Amino acid sequence: MTPPTAVHVYANDPLSRAGVAAGLEEASEVVVVDEEADASVALVVADDIDDDALQAIRRAQRGGSARVVLVVTRIDDGGLLTAVGAGACGVVRRAEATQNVLTGAVAVAANGDGTLPTDLLGRLLSQVSRLQRQVLAPRGLGLHGLSDREIDVLRLIADGYQTDEIARRLAYSERTIKNVIHDITSRLQLRNRSQAVAYAVREGLI
């Protein structure tokens, strides 16, 4: 038998936390835990995507390896993108937060996936598309945060080429290649070129 998923509930007010926890405790497939470090899924209950909600999302992830599902009353396009950017893998409207809906969202999160109401998914995709067109594309970047030239450099590093060899193959100066590598590691907060290659492999870029 599959063990129940450990869930920690965050809420600013005790009544909201108690209500959500009580609903979940009736479901055999989840168990509500008091310690955030013991949870594999965290439910963050909020009225709006404000600073308190975002801090709760981040705190839930710092406390352990929990995946975060946001249970929210009101959410607009900007708030949706901000919540996802902060680390939420799922969103449930409080008006739709029945026991079945919550346990379903918990199960999806525990499996490493995410869940969004259909209309919010469409709005999120529109926001991401707008971000790509208006912010990233003018800077020569993709959604993964790397330009085509940066990906070419990382691919050659992964193939074992040294800086001078990469410069010759791509027809750039060695200084340019060094600057490209520095830009990648700085922007993505990576320690060195090996981590940069690992990032590119993990993201399926090379």
Protein backbone atom coordinates (compact mmCIF):
# COMPACT_ATOMS: atom_id res chain seq x y z
CA MET A 1 0.00 0.00 0.00
CA THR A 2 1.28 3.49 -0.91
CA PRO A 3 2.03 5.55 2.22
CA PRO A 4 0.06 8.80 2.59
CA THR A 5 1.64 12.02 1.36
CA ALA A 6 2.88 14.27 4.16
CA VAL A 7 1.39 17.76 3.80
CA HIS A 8 2.11 20.94 5.74
CA VAL A 9 -0.46 23.75 5.66
CA TYR A 10 0.60 27.42 5.75
CA ALA A 11 -1.92 30.18 6.44
CA ASN A 12 -1.79 33.64 8.01
CA ASP A 13 -4.81 32.99 10.19
CA PRO A 14 -5.34 29.91 12.37
CA LEU A 15 -8.92 29.46 11.20
CA SER A 16 -7.95 29.00 7.56
CA ARG A 17 -5.19 26.59 8.47
CA ALA A 18 -7.46 24.58 10.75
CA GLY A 19 -10.19 24.40 8.11
CA VAL A 20 -7.91 23.18 5.32
CA ALA A 21 -6.11 20.76 7.64
CA ALA A 22 -9.41 19.33 8.91
CA GLY A 23 -10.59 18.69 5.35
CA LEU A 24 -7.35 16.96 4.43
CA GLU A 25 -7.28 14.80 7.56
CA GLU A 26 -10.44 13.07 6.39
CA ALA A 27 -8.58 11.78 3.30
CA SER A 28 -6.63 8.56 3.74
CA GLU A 29 -4.12 9.44 1.01
CA VAL A 30 -2.65 12.41 2.90
CA VAL A 31 -1.39 13.09 6.41
CA VAL A 32 -1.09 16.62 7.79
CA VAL A 33 2.23 17.28 9.55
CA ASP A 34 3.15 20.15 11.84
CA GLU A 35 6.82 20.36 10.92
CA GLU A 36 7.52 21.80 7.48
CA ALA A 37 10.72 19.78 7.15
CA ASP A 38 8.66 16.56 7.32
CA ALA A 39 6.37 17.53 4.41
CA SER A 40 6.71 16.53 0.78
CA VAL A 41 3.94 18.95 -0.25
CA ALA A 42 3.09 22.33 1.27
CA LEU A 43 -0.28 24.04 0.86
CA VAL A 44 -0.04 27.82 1.11
CA VAL A 45 -3.46 29.35 1.82
CA ALA A 46 -3.86 33.06 1.01
CA ASP A 47 -6.37 35.66 -0.10
CA ASP A 48 -4.05 37.38 -2.59
CA ILE A 49 -0.58 37.01 -4.06
CA ASP A 50 0.98 39.48 -1.66
CA ASP A 51 4.32 39.60 0.12
CA ASP A 52 3.09 37.29 2.87
CA ALA A 53 2.00 34.65 0.36
CA LEU A 54 5.27 34.84 -1.56
CA GLN A 55 7.29 34.59 1.63
CA ALA A 56 5.26 31.53 2.64
CA ILE A 57 5.94 29.89 -0.73
CA ARG A 58 9.67 30.49 -0.39
CA ARG A 59 9.71 29.48 3.28
CA ALA A 60 8.00 26.21 2.46
CA GLN A 61 10.75 25.35 0.02
CA ARG A 62 13.54 26.39 2.37
CA GLY A 63 12.11 24.22 5.12
CA GLY A 64 12.74 21.05 3.14
CA SER A 65 12.11 19.59 -0.29
CA ALA A 66 8.39 20.36 -0.33
CA ARG A 67 6.54 21.11 -3.54
CA VAL A 68 4.16 24.02 -3.08
CA VAL A 69 0.48 24.26 -4.03
CA LEU A 70 -1.10 27.70 -3.62
CA VAL A 71 -4.71 27.86 -2.43
CA VAL A 72 -5.78 31.43 -3.19
CA THR A 73 -8.94 33.54 -3.19
CA ARG A 74 -7.99 36.12 -5.83
CA ILE A 75 -5.32 35.88 -8.50
CA ASP A 76 -4.61 38.05 -11.54
CA ASP A 77 -2.20 37.48 -14.42
CA GLY A 78 0.70 39.25 -12.74
CA GLY A 79 0.15 37.43 -9.47
CA LEU A 80 0.00 34.09 -11.26
CA LEU A 81 3.36 34.62 -12.95
CA THR A 82 4.87 35.88 -9.70
CA ALA A 83 3.62 32.85 -7.74
CA VAL A 84 4.99 30.41 -10.32
CA GLY A 85 8.27 32.32 -10.38
CA ALA A 86 8.46 32.05 -6.58
CA GLY A 87 8.17 28.27 -6.81
CA ALA A 88 4.49 27.32 -6.70
CA CYS A 89 3.87 24.20 -8.79
CA GLY A 90 0.09 24.35 -8.53
CA VAL A 91 -2.76 26.76 -7.93
CA VAL A 92 -6.23 26.01 -6.57
CA ARG A 93 -8.93 28.65 -6.13
CA ARG A 94 -10.27 28.66 -2.57
CA ALA A 95 -13.84 28.63 -3.92
CA GLU A 96 -13.04 25.31 -5.65
CA ALA A 97 -10.94 23.81 -2.83
CA THR A 98 -12.98 20.75 -1.98
CA GLN A 99 -11.33 17.79 -0.31
CA ASN A 100 -11.15 15.93 -3.62
CA VAL A 101 -9.64 18.90 -5.44
CA LEU A 102 -7.02 19.48 -2.73
CA THR A 103 -6.01 15.83 -2.43
CA GLY A 104 -5.80 15.63 -6.22
CA ALA A 105 -3.52 18.70 -6.33
CA VAL A 106 -1.38 17.20 -3.55
CA ALA A 107 -1.04 13.91 -5.43
CA VAL A 108 -0.04 15.70 -8.63
CA ALA A 109 2.53 17.82 -6.78
CA ALA A 110 3.95 14.79 -4.95
CA ASN A 111 4.52 13.12 -8.34
CA GLY A 112 6.60 16.10 -9.48
CA ASP A 113 3.95 17.66 -11.70
CA GLY A 114 1.83 20.78 -11.44
CA THR A 115 -1.83 21.66 -11.64
CA LEU A 116 -3.69 24.80 -12.71
CA PRO A 117 -7.32 25.55 -13.51
CA THR A 118 -7.71 25.53 -17.31
CA ASP A 119 -8.32 29.25 -17.61
CA LEU A 120 -5.27 30.05 -15.47
CA LEU A 121 -3.12 27.77 -17.60
CA GLY A 122 -4.13 29.72 -20.70
CA ARG A 123 -3.37 33.01 -18.95
CA LEU A 124 0.01 31.75 -17.75
CA LEU A 125 0.97 30.68 -21.27
CA SER A 126 -0.02 34.11 -22.57
CA GLN A 127 2.11 35.76 -19.88
CA VAL A 128 5.10 33.57 -20.71
CA SER A 129 4.69 34.32 -24.42
CA ARG A 130 4.53 38.05 -23.68
CA LEU A 131 7.64 37.79 -21.52
CA GLN A 132 9.48 36.04 -24.33
CA ARG A 133 8.44 38.63 -26.96
CA GLN A 134 8.85 41.81 -24.95
CA VAL A 135 11.68 41.09 -22.54
CA LEU A 136 13.83 38.13 -23.53
CA ALA A 137 13.78 38.16 -27.34
CA PRO A 138 14.98 41.81 -27.63
CA ARG A 139 17.99 40.75 -25.55
CA GLY A 140 18.69 37.69 -27.65
CA LEU A 141 17.61 35.30 -24.87
CA GLY A 142 15.25 32.34 -24.76
CA LEU A 143 13.05 31.26 -21.87
CA HIS A 144 15.93 29.17 -20.58
CA GLY A 145 17.93 32.37 -20.08
CA LEU A 146 20.63 31.62 -22.67
CA SER A 147 21.31 33.05 -26.12
CA ASP A 148 22.15 30.91 -29.16
CA ARG A 149 25.81 31.97 -28.90
CA GLU A 150 25.95 30.99 -25.24
CA ILE A 151 24.48 27.57 -26.03
CA ASP A 152 27.06 27.10 -28.81
CA VAL A 153 29.86 27.89 -26.35
CA LEU A 154 28.51 25.49 -23.73
CA ARG A 155 28.11 22.74 -26.32
CA LEU A 156 31.77 23.06 -27.31
CA ILE A 157 32.88 23.13 -23.67
CA ALA A 158 30.91 19.92 -23.14
CA ASP A 159 32.72 18.43 -26.15
CA GLY A 160 36.06 19.11 -24.46
CA TYR A 161 37.27 22.16 -26.35
CA GLN A 162 39.44 24.77 -24.62
CA THR A 163 38.76 28.50 -24.72
CA ASP A 164 41.18 29.22 -27.59
CA GLU A 165 39.74 26.33 -29.63
CA ILE A 166 36.19 27.55 -29.06
CA ALA A 167 37.20 31.04 -30.15
CA ARG A 168 38.64 29.71 -33.42
CA ARG A 169 35.65 27.49 -34.17
CA LEU A 170 33.12 30.27 -33.54
CA ALA A 171 35.27 33.06 -35.04
CA TYR A 172 35.39 35.11 -31.84
CA SER A 173 38.28 36.37 -29.75
CA GLU A 174 39.32 34.46 -26.65
CA ARG A 175 38.29 37.47 -24.56
CA THR A 176 34.78 37.28 -26.01
CA ILE A 177 34.49 33.59 -25.17
CA LYS A 178 35.72 34.24 -21.61
CA ASN A 179 33.17 37.04 -21.28
CA VAL A 180 30.40 34.75 -22.55
CA ILE A 181 31.29 32.11 -19.97
CA HIS A 182 31.47 34.74 -17.21
CA ASP A 183 28.08 36.15 -18.22
CA ILE A 184 26.48 32.70 -18.11
CA THR A 185 27.86 31.77 -14.70
CA SER A 186 27.06 35.20 -13.20
CA ARG A 187 23.52 35.45 -14.56
CA LEU A 188 22.57 31.90 -13.58
CA GLN A 189 24.52 32.04 -10.29
CA LEU A 190 26.73 29.09 -11.18
CA ARG A 191 30.22 28.56 -9.76
CA ASN A 192 32.13 27.55 -12.88
CA ARG A 193 31.93 26.33 -16.47
CA SER A 194 31.35 22.74 -15.35
CA GLN A 195 28.20 23.80 -13.52
CA ALA A 196 27.15 25.80 -16.57
CA VAL A 197 27.46 22.72 -18.76
CA ALA A 198 25.55 20.66 -16.20
CA TYR A 199 22.78 23.29 -16.23
CA ALA A 200 22.56 23.18 -20.03
CA VAL A 201 22.40 19.37 -20.02
CA ARG A 202 19.77 19.34 -17.30
CA GLU A 203 17.64 21.83 -19.25
CA GLY A 204 17.99 19.79 -22.45
CA LEU A 205 19.84 22.58 -24.27
CA ILE A 206 22.84 20.49 -25.31
